[in-house]
Amino acid sequence: MTENTLDAKTTPKRLILSLLSSPGFKEVTVIYLIEWGKIFNIDPPTTRVAVGRLAKQGFITPVSRGKYTIGPNAESVAKTARSWIDAEDHVGSWSGKWIVAHIAHLGRTNKTAVRSRERSFRLNGFTSAVAGLWCRPANLRDSLLQTKERLTLMGLEPQAVLMHCDAFSGIQLDELYQLWPTKQIESDYHQVIQNMRDSVARLQGMDIDGAVRETFTVGESVIRHINADPLLPDEMINTKLRREVLSQMKDYNELGRVVWERFHSELRS
């Protein structure tokens, strides 16, 4: 994962929503967004157009002249983006039970609904066991109702049926374990940890604009990784690596906060 690859993905919309989803950016002025845009080679008119469009779409909301906060249509996205910091708090011990979602009755003719449904499942660690049946280990602290509410908020139809299951008849336990690419997930943990270490080393020789760009792009990529993690139990994966990713990201986030505060101070001076 290189800095240039990350920069190429930083669109005006993504930059604005990412900033307003950050805990330290409850309200942001257009002028400030313009200065951030310049760091990513986004010119001021393009930033202003993006602000206007996002406001019309309800993704951001004006709180005063030239100042915006996250809008009602982006609240769930913002909540998800902020959830990385306490991700491990949602994980409990695993008794061997499973959470199973039955969706065969929902059909697949509405492609938009199918994409939203499957995205919701993937972001919550579910995988397809057989056609119409998705599952995950029941190792999260949330109740079945809370899990259903979170899935629905992210795009699953309310008509889906969720249940707890002790065992599967017709599917071997080893086959279930193999539904998750655990070796790749562990390899990704190592890579993400190395990305943060490499970034910290690069920051030593950067000016403030470069440091802001670096911490934003690397930090955002790690947060996306954490939020997409299936949070599998100890019995299936090396959870020490997952906890190390989270610990390293908390340190990196603090480093980024210092860089961003310096940038903000220089803007005001």
C-alpha atoms as a PDB file:
ATOM      1  CA  MET A   1       0.000   0.000   0.000  1.00  0.00           C
ATOM      2  CA  THR A   2       1.737   3.173  -1.129  1.00  0.00           C
ATOM      3  CA  GLU A   3       1.054   6.814  -0.445  1.00  0.00           C
ATOM      4  CA  ASN A   4       0.315   7.507  -4.123  1.00  0.00           C
ATOM      5  CA  THR A   5      -2.254   4.721  -4.269  1.00  0.00           C
ATOM      6  CA  LEU A   6      -4.004   6.135  -1.238  1.00  0.00           C
ATOM      7  CA  ASP A   7      -3.922   9.701  -2.575  1.00  0.00           C
ATOM      8  CA  ALA A   8      -5.548   8.612  -5.829  1.00  0.00           C
ATOM      9  CA  LYS A   9      -8.639   7.532  -3.899  1.00  0.00           C
ATOM     10  CA  THR A  10      -9.091  10.786  -1.963  1.00  0.00           C
ATOM     11  CA  THR A  11     -12.015  12.438  -3.750  1.00  0.00           C
ATOM     12  CA  PRO A  12     -13.571  15.698  -2.462  1.00  0.00           C
ATOM     13  CA  LYS A  13     -16.636  13.808  -1.203  1.00  0.00           C
ATOM     14  CA  ARG A  14     -14.572  11.215   0.593  1.00  0.00           C
ATOM     15  CA  LEU A  15     -12.275  13.814   2.136  1.00  0.00           C
ATOM     16  CA  ILE A  16     -15.150  15.944   3.462  1.00  0.00           C
ATOM     17  CA  LEU A  17     -17.138  13.028   4.887  1.00  0.00           C
ATOM     18  CA  SER A  18     -14.028  11.468   6.417  1.00  0.00           C
ATOM     19  CA  LEU A  19     -13.114  14.706   8.179  1.00  0.00           C
ATOM     20  CA  LEU A  20     -16.623  15.246   9.527  1.00  0.00           C
ATOM     21  CA  SER A  21     -16.733  11.625  10.689  1.00  0.00           C
ATOM     22  CA  SER A  22     -13.628  12.185  12.811  1.00  0.00           C
ATOM     23  CA  PRO A  23     -14.231  12.834  16.541  1.00  0.00           C
ATOM     24  CA  GLY A  24     -12.267  16.091  16.462  1.00  0.00           C
ATOM     25  CA  PHE A  25     -14.222  17.586  13.553  1.00  0.00           C
ATOM     26  CA  LYS A  26     -17.802  18.039  14.763  1.00  0.00           C
ATOM     27  CA  GLU A  27     -18.080  21.285  12.792  1.00  0.00           C
ATOM     28  CA  VAL A  28     -15.858  22.432   9.917  1.00  0.00           C
ATOM     29  CA  THR A  29     -15.768  25.641   7.875  1.00  0.00           C
ATOM     30  CA  VAL A  30     -15.680  25.666   4.089  1.00  0.00           C
ATOM     31  CA  ILE A  31     -12.405  27.601   4.250  1.00  0.00           C
ATOM     32  CA  TYR A  32     -10.871  24.822   6.312  1.00  0.00           C
ATOM     33  CA  LEU A  33     -12.156  22.179   3.865  1.00  0.00           C
ATOM     34  CA  ILE A  34     -10.644  24.171   1.000  1.00  0.00           C
ATOM     35  CA  GLU A  35      -7.236  24.168   2.710  1.00  0.00           C
ATOM     36  CA  TRP A  36      -7.495  20.419   3.231  1.00  0.00           C
ATOM     37  CA  GLY A  37      -8.467  19.991  -0.401  1.00  0.00           C
ATOM     38  CA  LYS A  38      -5.362  21.826  -1.544  1.00  0.00           C
ATOM     39  CA  ILE A  39      -3.218  19.234   0.226  1.00  0.00           C
ATOM     40  CA  PHE A  40      -4.763  16.580  -2.041  1.00  0.00           C
ATOM     41  CA  ASN A  41      -4.553  18.761  -5.176  1.00  0.00           C
ATOM     42  CA  ILE A  42      -8.276  19.540  -5.087  1.00  0.00           C
ATOM     43  CA  ASP A  43      -8.873  23.112  -6.205  1.00  0.00           C
ATOM     44  CA  PRO A  44     -11.178  25.450  -4.184  1.00  0.00           C
ATOM     45  CA  PRO A  45     -14.056  25.567  -6.738  1.00  0.00           C
ATOM     46  CA  THR A  46     -14.190  21.755  -6.766  1.00  0.00           C
ATOM     47  CA  THR A  47     -14.337  21.669  -2.968  1.00  0.00           C
ATOM     48  CA  ARG A  48     -17.125  24.272  -2.914  1.00  0.00           C
ATOM     49  CA  VAL A  49     -19.134  22.305  -5.469  1.00  0.00           C
ATOM     50  CA  ALA A  50     -18.688  19.123  -3.428  1.00  0.00           C
ATOM     51  CA  VAL A  51     -19.854  20.925  -0.270  1.00  0.00           C
ATOM     52  CA  GLY A  52     -22.962  22.184  -2.063  1.00  0.00           C
ATOM     53  CA  ARG A  53     -23.837  18.759  -3.432  1.00  0.00           C
ATOM     54  CA  LEU A  54     -23.301  16.992  -0.116  1.00  0.00           C
ATOM     55  CA  ALA A  55     -25.507  19.572   1.617  1.00  0.00           C
ATOM     56  CA  LYS A  56     -28.322  19.075  -0.926  1.00  0.00           C
ATOM     57  CA  GLN A  57     -28.051  15.301  -0.483  1.00  0.00           C
ATOM     58  CA  GLY A  58     -28.312  15.584   3.294  1.00  0.00           C
ATOM     59  CA  PHE A  59     -24.824  14.212   3.913  1.00  0.00           C
ATOM     60  CA  ILE A  60     -23.714  17.431   5.598  1.00  0.00           C
ATOM     61  CA  THR A  61     -25.783  20.141   7.307  1.00  0.00           C
ATOM     62  CA  PRO A  62     -25.030  23.876   7.757  1.00  0.00           C
ATOM     63  CA  VAL A  63     -24.823  25.010  11.378  1.00  0.00           C
ATOM     64  CA  SER A  64     -24.003  28.623  10.515  1.00  0.00           C
ATOM     65  CA  ARG A  65     -22.848  30.569   7.481  1.00  0.00           C
ATOM     66  CA  GLY A  66     -19.956  28.660   5.900  1.00  0.00           C
ATOM     67  CA  LYS A  67     -19.796  26.014   8.636  1.00  0.00           C
ATOM     68  CA  TYR A  68     -21.060  22.414   8.394  1.00  0.00           C
ATOM     69  CA  THR A  69     -21.555  19.281  10.441  1.00  0.00           C
ATOM     70  CA  ILE A  70     -22.391  15.710   9.467  1.00  0.00           C
ATOM     71  CA  GLY A  71     -25.909  15.393   8.015  1.00  0.00           C
ATOM     72  CA  PRO A  72     -28.720  12.919   8.757  1.00  0.00           C
ATOM     73  CA  ASN A  73     -28.040  10.845   5.641  1.00  0.00           C
ATOM     74  CA  ALA A  74     -24.455  10.230   6.694  1.00  0.00           C
ATOM     75  CA  GLU A  75     -24.934   9.615  10.419  1.00  0.00           C
ATOM     76  CA  SER A  76     -24.758   5.833  10.078  1.00  0.00           C
ATOM     77  CA  VAL A  77     -21.609   6.113   7.931  1.00  0.00           C
ATOM     78  CA  ALA A  78     -20.014   8.441  10.480  1.00  0.00           C
ATOM     79  CA  LYS A  79     -20.964   6.160  13.366  1.00  0.00           C
ATOM     80  CA  THR A  80     -19.409   3.193  11.577  1.00  0.00           C
ATOM     81  CA  ALA A  81     -16.256   5.192  10.791  1.00  0.00           C
ATOM     82  CA  ARG A  82     -15.830   6.086  14.474  1.00  0.00           C
ATOM     83  CA  SER A  83     -16.514   2.563  15.745  1.00  0.00           C
ATOM     84  CA  TRP A  84     -12.945   1.315  15.193  1.00  0.00           C
ATOM     85  CA  ILE A  85     -11.647   2.619  18.499  1.00  0.00           C
ATOM     86  CA  ASP A  86     -13.757   0.267  20.633  1.00  0.00           C
ATOM     87  CA  ALA A  87     -14.056  -2.626  18.162  1.00  0.00           C
ATOM     88  CA  GLU A  88     -12.384  -5.102  20.521  1.00  0.00           C
ATOM     89  CA  ASP A  89     -14.825  -4.205  23.308  1.00  0.00           C
ATOM     90  CA  HIS A  90     -17.596  -5.896  21.316  1.00  0.00           C
ATOM     91  CA  VAL A  91     -15.779  -9.245  21.271  1.00  0.00           C
ATOM     92  CA  GLY A  92     -16.482 -11.888  23.909  1.00  0.00           C
ATOM     93  CA  SER A  93     -15.599 -15.528  24.427  1.00  0.00           C
ATOM     94  CA  TRP A  94     -16.907 -18.132  22.003  1.00  0.00           C
ATOM     95  CA  SER A  95     -18.990 -21.099  23.151  1.00  0.00           C
ATOM     96  CA  GLY A  96     -19.040 -22.666  19.695  1.00  0.00           C
ATOM     97  CA  LYS A  97     -22.455 -21.281  18.784  1.00  0.00           C
ATOM     98  CA  TRP A  98     -23.213 -19.457  15.543  1.00  0.00           C
ATOM     99  CA  ILE A  99     -25.413 -16.595  14.397  1.00  0.00           C
ATOM    100  CA  VAL A 100     -27.288 -17.611  11.267  1.00  0.00           C
ATOM    101  CA  ALA A 101     -29.177 -15.320   8.892  1.00  0.00           C
ATOM    102  CA  HIS A 102     -31.830 -16.862   6.631  1.00  0.00           C
ATOM    103  CA  ILE A 103     -32.492 -14.736   3.525  1.00  0.00           C
ATOM    104  CA  ALA A 104     -33.594 -17.215   0.833  1.00  0.00           C
ATOM    105  CA  HIS A 105     -37.115 -15.752   0.912  1.00  0.00           C
ATOM    106  CA  LEU A 106     -35.813 -12.247   0.099  1.00  0.00           C
ATOM    107  CA  GLY A 107     -34.843 -13.118  -3.479  1.00  0.00           C
ATOM    108  CA  ARG A 108     -32.094 -11.736  -5.710  1.00  0.00           C
ATOM    109  CA  THR A 109     -33.962  -9.840  -8.435  1.00  0.00           C
ATOM    110  CA  ASN A 110     -33.357  -6.411  -6.881  1.00  0.00           C
ATOM    111  CA  LYS A 111     -29.622  -6.042  -7.497  1.00  0.00           C
ATOM    112  CA  THR A 112     -29.327  -2.866  -5.408  1.00  0.00           C
ATOM    113  CA  ALA A 113     -30.918  -4.603  -2.427  1.00  0.00           C
ATOM    114  CA  VAL A 114     -28.668  -7.623  -2.885  1.00  0.00           C
ATOM    115  CA  ARG A 115     -25.534  -5.446  -2.928  1.00  0.00           C
ATOM    116  CA  SER A 116     -26.624  -3.567   0.221  1.00  0.00           C
ATOM    117  CA  ARG A 117     -27.550  -6.812   1.948  1.00  0.00           C
ATOM    118  CA  GLU A 118     -24.274  -8.541   1.197  1.00  0.00           C
ATOM    119  CA  ARG A 119     -22.232  -5.453   2.062  1.00  0.00           C
ATOM    120  CA  SER A 120     -23.967  -5.343   5.442  1.00  0.00           C
ATOM    121  CA  PHE A 121     -23.145  -9.004   6.040  1.00  0.00           C
ATOM    122  CA  ARG A 122     -19.493  -8.619   5.050  1.00  0.00           C
ATOM    123  CA  LEU A 123     -18.986  -5.550   7.252  1.00  0.00           C
ATOM    124  CA  ASN A 124     -20.281  -7.551  10.199  1.00  0.00           C
ATOM    125  CA  GLY A 125     -18.159 -10.640   9.666  1.00  0.00           C
ATOM    126  CA  PHE A 126     -20.819 -12.852   8.090  1.00  0.00           C
ATOM    127  CA  THR A 127     -20.100 -15.128   5.159  1.00  0.00           C
ATOM    128  CA  SER A 128     -22.337 -17.263   2.949  1.00  0.00           C
ATOM    129  CA  ALA A 129     -22.484 -20.888   4.097  1.00  0.00           C
ATOM    130  CA  VAL A 130     -24.926 -22.059   1.423  1.00  0.00           C
ATOM    131  CA  ALA A 131     -27.319 -20.208  -0.871  1.00  0.00           C
ATOM    132  CA  GLY A 132     -29.689 -18.133   1.238  1.00  0.00           C
ATOM    133  CA  LEU A 133     -27.845 -18.761   4.516  1.00  0.00           C
ATOM    134  CA  TRP A 134     -25.166 -16.517   6.011  1.00  0.00           C
ATOM    135  CA  CYS A 135     -23.406 -17.084   9.327  1.00  0.00           C
ATOM    136  CA  ARG A 136     -20.701 -15.966  11.726  1.00  0.00           C
ATOM    137  CA  PRO A 137     -19.373 -17.192  15.098  1.00  0.00           C
ATOM    138  CA  ALA A 138     -21.532 -15.945  17.971  1.00  0.00           C
ATOM    139  CA  ASN A 139     -18.583 -14.416  19.820  1.00  0.00           C
ATOM    140  CA  LEU A 140     -19.802 -10.823  19.937  1.00  0.00           C
ATOM    141  CA  ARG A 141     -21.236  -9.269  23.080  1.00  0.00           C
ATOM    142  CA  ASP A 142     -24.231  -7.813  21.218  1.00  0.00           C
ATOM    143  CA  SER A 143     -27.566  -9.565  21.563  1.00  0.00           C
ATOM    144  CA  LEU A 144     -29.264 -11.123  18.564  1.00  0.00           C
ATOM    145  CA  LEU A 145     -31.609  -8.119  18.408  1.00  0.00           C
ATOM    146  CA  GLN A 146     -28.701  -5.661  18.482  1.00  0.00           C
ATOM    147  CA  THR A 147     -26.964  -7.596  15.708  1.00  0.00           C
ATOM    148  CA  LYS A 148     -30.135  -7.517  13.618  1.00  0.00           C
ATOM    149  CA  GLU A 149     -30.534  -3.773  14.180  1.00  0.00           C
ATOM    150  CA  ARG A 150     -26.930  -3.101  13.134  1.00  0.00           C
ATOM    151  CA  LEU A 151     -27.266  -5.246  10.007  1.00  0.00           C
ATOM    152  CA  THR A 152     -30.524  -3.514   9.085  1.00  0.00           C
ATOM    153  CA  LEU A 153     -28.998  -0.073   9.604  1.00  0.00           C
ATOM    154  CA  MET A 154     -26.231  -1.024   7.152  1.00  0.00           C
ATOM    155  CA  GLY A 155     -28.528  -2.332   4.439  1.00  0.00           C
ATOM    156  CA  LEU A 156     -30.051  -5.712   5.359  1.00  0.00           C
ATOM    157  CA  GLU A 157     -33.791  -5.978   4.790  1.00  0.00           C
ATOM    158  CA  PRO A 158     -35.839  -6.121   8.027  1.00  0.00           C
ATOM    159  CA  GLN A 159     -37.536  -9.292   6.765  1.00  0.00           C
ATOM    160  CA  ALA A 160     -34.324 -11.300   7.188  1.00  0.00           C
ATOM    161  CA  VAL A 161     -34.502 -13.984   9.885  1.00  0.00           C
ATOM    162  CA  LEU A 162     -31.665 -14.227  12.422  1.00  0.00           C
ATOM    163  CA  MET A 163     -31.197 -17.069  14.881  1.00  0.00           C
ATOM    164  CA  HIS A 164     -28.635 -18.771  17.084  1.00  0.00           C
ATOM    165  CA  CYS A 165     -27.425 -22.206  16.079  1.00  0.00           C
ATOM    166  CA  ASP A 166     -25.452 -24.819  18.048  1.00  0.00           C
ATOM    167  CA  ALA A 167     -24.375 -26.935  15.072  1.00  0.00           C
ATOM    168  CA  PHE A 168     -24.875 -27.411  11.333  1.00  0.00           C
ATOM    169  CA  SER A 169     -26.084 -30.681   9.889  1.00  0.00           C
ATOM    170  CA  GLY A 170     -24.586 -31.262   6.452  1.00  0.00           C
ATOM    171  CA  ILE A 171     -21.652 -28.873   6.917  1.00  0.00           C
ATOM    172  CA  GLN A 172     -18.483 -29.999   8.697  1.00  0.00           C
ATOM    173  CA  LEU A 173     -16.869 -27.688  11.241  1.00  0.00           C
ATOM    174  CA  ASP A 174     -13.663 -27.547   9.200  1.00  0.00           C
ATOM    175  CA  GLU A 175     -15.694 -26.462   6.175  1.00  0.00           C
ATOM    176  CA  LEU A 176     -17.241 -23.647   8.190  1.00  0.00           C
ATOM    177  CA  TYR A 177     -13.839 -22.431   9.383  1.00  0.00           C
ATOM    178  CA  GLN A 178     -12.596 -22.340   5.801  1.00  0.00           C
ATOM    179  CA  LEU A 179     -15.326 -19.889   4.816  1.00  0.00           C
ATOM    180  CA  TRP A 180     -13.133 -17.123   6.255  1.00  0.00           C
ATOM    181  CA  PRO A 181      -9.669 -16.552   4.682  1.00  0.00           C
ATOM    182  CA  THR A 182      -7.913 -16.572   8.036  1.00  0.00           C
ATOM    183  CA  LYS A 183      -4.370 -16.850   6.634  1.00  0.00           C
ATOM    184  CA  GLN A 184      -4.948 -13.816   4.429  1.00  0.00           C
ATOM    185  CA  ILE A 185      -6.508 -11.898   7.314  1.00  0.00           C
ATOM    186  CA  GLU A 186      -3.462 -12.595   9.497  1.00  0.00           C
ATOM    187  CA  SER A 187      -1.140 -11.601   6.647  1.00  0.00           C
ATOM    188  CA  ASP A 188      -3.083  -8.351   6.313  1.00  0.00           C
ATOM    189  CA  TYR A 189      -2.638  -7.699  10.048  1.00  0.00           C
ATOM    190  CA  HIS A 190       1.136  -7.912   9.603  1.00  0.00           C
ATOM    191  CA  GLN A 191       0.987  -5.628   6.554  1.00  0.00           C
ATOM    192  CA  VAL A 192      -1.156  -2.992   8.259  1.00  0.00           C
ATOM    193  CA  ILE A 193       1.161  -2.916  11.275  1.00  0.00           C
ATOM    194  CA  GLN A 194       4.159  -2.498   8.967  1.00  0.00           C
ATOM    195  CA  ASN A 195       2.389   0.265   7.014  1.00  0.00           C
ATOM    196  CA  MET A 196       1.964   2.286  10.191  1.00  0.00           C
ATOM    197  CA  ARG A 197       5.578   1.748  11.245  1.00  0.00           C
ATOM    198  CA  ASP A 198       6.833   2.779   7.807  1.00  0.00           C
ATOM    199  CA  SER A 199       4.603   5.846   7.888  1.00  0.00           C
ATOM    200  CA  VAL A 200       5.918   6.974  11.265  1.00  0.00           C
ATOM    201  CA  ALA A 201       9.455   6.732   9.871  1.00  0.00           C
ATOM    202  CA  ARG A 202       8.508   8.739   6.757  1.00  0.00           C
ATOM    203  CA  LEU A 203       6.925  11.501   8.826  1.00  0.00           C
ATOM    204  CA  GLN A 204      10.294  12.499  10.291  1.00  0.00           C
ATOM    205  CA  GLY A 205      11.347  14.246   7.071  1.00  0.00           C
ATOM    206  CA  MET A 206       8.019  15.721   5.934  1.00  0.00           C
ATOM    207  CA  ASP A 207       6.713  19.282   5.899  1.00  0.00           C
ATOM    208  CA  ILE A 208       3.333  19.935   7.502  1.00  0.00           C
ATOM    209  CA  ASP A 209       1.308  19.468   4.298  1.00  0.00           C
ATOM    210  CA  GLY A 210       2.995  16.159   3.569  1.00  0.00           C
ATOM    211  CA  ALA A 211       2.503  15.019   7.163  1.00  0.00           C
ATOM    212  CA  VAL A 212      -1.216  15.866   7.044  1.00  0.00           C
ATOM    213  CA  ARG A 213      -1.640  13.984   3.786  1.00  0.00           C
ATOM    214  CA  GLU A 214       0.341  11.019   5.088  1.00  0.00           C
ATOM    215  CA  THR A 215      -1.507  10.668   8.391  1.00  0.00           C
ATOM    216  CA  PHE A 216      -4.904  11.093   6.742  1.00  0.00           C
ATOM    217  CA  THR A 217      -4.399   8.552   3.980  1.00  0.00           C
ATOM    218  CA  VAL A 218      -2.631   5.929   6.071  1.00  0.00           C
ATOM    219  CA  GLY A 219      -4.917   6.419   9.059  1.00  0.00           C
ATOM    220  CA  GLU A 220      -8.060   6.203   6.945  1.00  0.00           C
ATOM    221  CA  SER A 221      -6.865   3.014   5.270  1.00  0.00           C
ATOM    222  CA  VAL A 222      -6.171   1.372   8.643  1.00  0.00           C
ATOM    223  CA  ILE A 223      -9.556   2.431  10.011  1.00  0.00           C
ATOM    224  CA  ARG A 224     -11.283   0.902   6.988  1.00  0.00           C
ATOM    225  CA  HIS A 225      -9.348  -2.296   7.627  1.00  0.00           C
ATOM    226  CA  ILE A 226     -10.352  -2.393  11.305  1.00  0.00           C
ATOM    227  CA  ASN A 227     -14.010  -1.660  10.585  1.00  0.00           C
ATOM    228  CA  ALA A 228     -14.137  -4.437   7.979  1.00  0.00           C
ATOM    229  CA  ASP A 229     -12.523  -7.022  10.264  1.00  0.00           C
ATOM    230  CA  PRO A 230     -14.790 -10.034  10.894  1.00  0.00           C
ATOM    231  CA  LEU A 231     -13.715 -10.125  14.579  1.00  0.00           C
ATOM    232  CA  LEU A 232     -13.263 -13.879  14.613  1.00  0.00           C
ATOM    233  CA  PRO A 233     -12.641 -15.750  17.892  1.00  0.00           C
ATOM    234  CA  ASP A 234      -9.334 -17.095  19.263  1.00  0.00           C
ATOM    235  CA  GLU A 235     -10.262 -20.561  18.075  1.00  0.00           C
ATOM    236  CA  MET A 236     -10.174 -19.413  14.442  1.00  0.00           C
ATOM    237  CA  ILE A 237      -7.498 -16.727  14.174  1.00  0.00           C
ATOM    238  CA  ASN A 238      -4.526 -15.067  15.891  1.00  0.00           C
ATOM    239  CA  THR A 239      -6.426 -12.395  17.815  1.00  0.00           C
ATOM    240  CA  LYS A 240      -3.199 -11.023  19.348  1.00  0.00           C
ATOM    241  CA  LEU A 241      -2.337  -9.621  15.928  1.00  0.00           C
ATOM    242  CA  ARG A 242      -5.752  -7.982  15.681  1.00  0.00           C
ATOM    243  CA  ARG A 243      -5.317  -6.357  19.067  1.00  0.00           C
ATOM    244  CA  GLU A 244      -1.847  -5.162  18.033  1.00  0.00           C
ATOM    245  CA  VAL A 245      -3.329  -3.485  14.962  1.00  0.00           C
ATOM    246  CA  LEU A 246      -5.811  -1.656  17.169  1.00  0.00           C
ATOM    247  CA  SER A 247      -3.169  -0.665  19.708  1.00  0.00           C
ATOM    248  CA  GLN A 248      -0.824   0.626  16.991  1.00  0.00           C
ATOM    249  CA  MET A 249      -3.672   2.559  15.379  1.00  0.00           C
ATOM    250  CA  LYS A 250      -4.528   4.289  18.653  1.00  0.00           C
ATOM    251  CA  ASP A 251      -0.914   5.483  18.865  1.00  0.00           C
ATOM    252  CA  TYR A 252      -0.912   6.476  15.201  1.00  0.00           C
ATOM    253  CA  ASN A 253      -4.215   8.315  15.644  1.00  0.00           C
ATOM    254  CA  GLU A 254      -2.701  10.342  18.478  1.00  0.00           C
ATOM    255  CA  LEU A 255       0.271  11.188  16.257  1.00  0.00           C
ATOM    256  CA  GLY A 256      -2.112  12.276  13.515  1.00  0.00           C
ATOM    257  CA  ARG A 257      -4.066  14.438  15.952  1.00  0.00           C
ATOM    258  CA  VAL A 258      -0.888  16.327  16.853  1.00  0.00           C
ATOM    259  CA  VAL A 259      -0.069  16.848  13.167  1.00  0.00           C
ATOM    260  CA  TRP A 260      -3.587  18.066  12.360  1.00  0.00           C
ATOM    261  CA  GLU A 261      -3.642  20.454  15.323  1.00  0.00           C
ATOM    262  CA  ARG A 262      -0.356  21.942  14.149  1.00  0.00           C
ATOM    263  CA  PHE A 263      -1.797  22.365  10.655  1.00  0.00           C
ATOM    264  CA  HIS A 264      -4.897  24.032  12.096  1.00  0.00           C
ATOM    265  CA  SER A 265      -2.773  26.387  14.225  1.00  0.00           C
ATOM    266  CA  GLU A 266      -0.699  27.437  11.239  1.00  0.00           C
ATOM    267  CA  LEU A 267      -3.863  28.221   9.290  1.00  0.00           C
ATOM    268  CA  ARG A 268      -5.033  30.579  12.023  1.00  0.00           C
ATOM    269  CA  SER A 269      -1.669  32.297  12.425  1.00  0.00           C
END
